[in-house]
Amino acid sequence: MSAGGRSRSSADSLDVREDRKPRNVEQEILLAVQGIRYGSVEIVIHDSEVVQIERKEKVRFDRSAGKAG
């Protein structure tokens, strides 16, 4: 498990190919967007069908918060 209690890496790929248990693409997109404060969600489409959803999350630190004075 990574820092902050997250079990997924900061760049996750959610594979929605047919060989996996079928899921609702819209639900997968919403799931990928949930909880991201800074980052992006990329939707890959082949032959008019969603084949991959990639989630990239950035974790930002306030540099002035740790300084005294």
Protein backbone atom coordinates (compact mmCIF):
# COMPACT_ATOMS: atom_id res chain seq x y z
CA MET A 1 0.00 0.00 0.00
CA SER A 2 1.34 3.45 -0.85
CA ALA A 3 1.49 6.58 1.29
CA GLY A 4 -1.84 7.97 2.36
CA GLY A 5 -3.46 4.54 2.52
CA ARG A 6 -3.93 4.29 -1.24
CA SER A 7 -3.53 0.83 -2.72
CA ARG A 8 -3.31 2.00 -6.36
CA SER A 9 -0.36 3.76 -7.92
CA SER A 10 -0.63 7.40 -8.94
CA ALA A 11 -1.00 6.44 -12.62
CA ASP A 12 -3.70 3.79 -12.82
CA SER A 13 -5.12 2.11 -15.86
CA LEU A 14 -8.60 0.65 -15.66
CA ASP A 15 -8.92 -1.95 -18.42
CA VAL A 16 -12.48 -2.34 -19.73
CA ARG A 17 -11.81 -4.99 -22.39
CA GLU A 18 -14.32 -7.75 -23.05
CA ASP A 19 -12.20 -10.50 -21.42
CA ARG A 20 -12.80 -8.96 -17.99
CA LYS A 21 -16.01 -8.96 -16.01
CA PRO A 22 -18.27 -6.54 -17.91
CA ARG A 23 -18.69 -3.14 -16.29
CA ASN A 24 -20.59 -0.01 -17.11
CA VAL A 25 -18.16 2.35 -18.88
CA GLU A 26 -19.85 5.43 -17.47
CA GLN A 27 -19.45 4.08 -13.92
CA GLU A 28 -15.78 3.36 -14.56
CA ILE A 29 -15.21 6.93 -15.75
CA LEU A 30 -16.94 8.35 -12.68
CA LEU A 31 -14.91 6.03 -10.45
CA ALA A 32 -11.70 7.23 -12.09
CA VAL A 33 -12.64 10.88 -11.50
CA GLN A 34 -13.73 10.49 -7.88
CA GLY A 35 -11.29 11.68 -5.29
CA ILE A 36 -8.82 13.39 -7.63
CA ARG A 37 -7.89 16.87 -6.39
CA TYR A 38 -5.23 17.47 -9.06
CA GLY A 39 -4.71 15.29 -12.10
CA SER A 40 -6.35 13.95 -15.22
CA VAL A 41 -8.43 11.09 -16.59
CA GLU A 42 -7.68 9.93 -20.12
CA ILE A 43 -10.21 7.85 -22.05
CA VAL A 44 -8.78 5.74 -24.90
CA ILE A 45 -11.17 4.89 -27.73
CA HIS A 46 -10.61 2.35 -30.55
CA ASP A 47 -13.19 1.77 -33.28
CA SER A 48 -15.73 3.97 -31.45
CA GLU A 49 -15.47 1.95 -28.21
CA VAL A 50 -13.83 2.81 -24.91
CA VAL A 51 -10.96 0.36 -24.43
CA GLN A 52 -9.02 1.97 -21.58
CA ILE A 53 -9.37 4.59 -18.86
CA GLU A 54 -6.19 6.03 -17.41
CA ARG A 55 -6.08 8.01 -14.19
CA LYS A 56 -3.14 10.25 -13.30
CA GLU A 57 -3.16 11.92 -9.92
CA LYS A 58 -0.79 14.60 -8.71
CA VAL A 59 -0.07 15.07 -5.03
CA ARG A 60 0.92 18.64 -4.22
CA PHE A 61 2.68 19.87 -1.12
CA ASP A 62 2.52 23.40 0.26
CA ARG A 63 6.17 24.34 0.64
CA SER A 64 5.43 27.32 2.90
CA ALA A 65 3.47 25.18 5.40
CA GLY A 66 6.63 23.49 6.71
CA LYS A 67 8.65 26.70 7.21
CA ALA A 68 8.90 28.36 10.59
CA GLY A 69 8.48 32.05 11.05
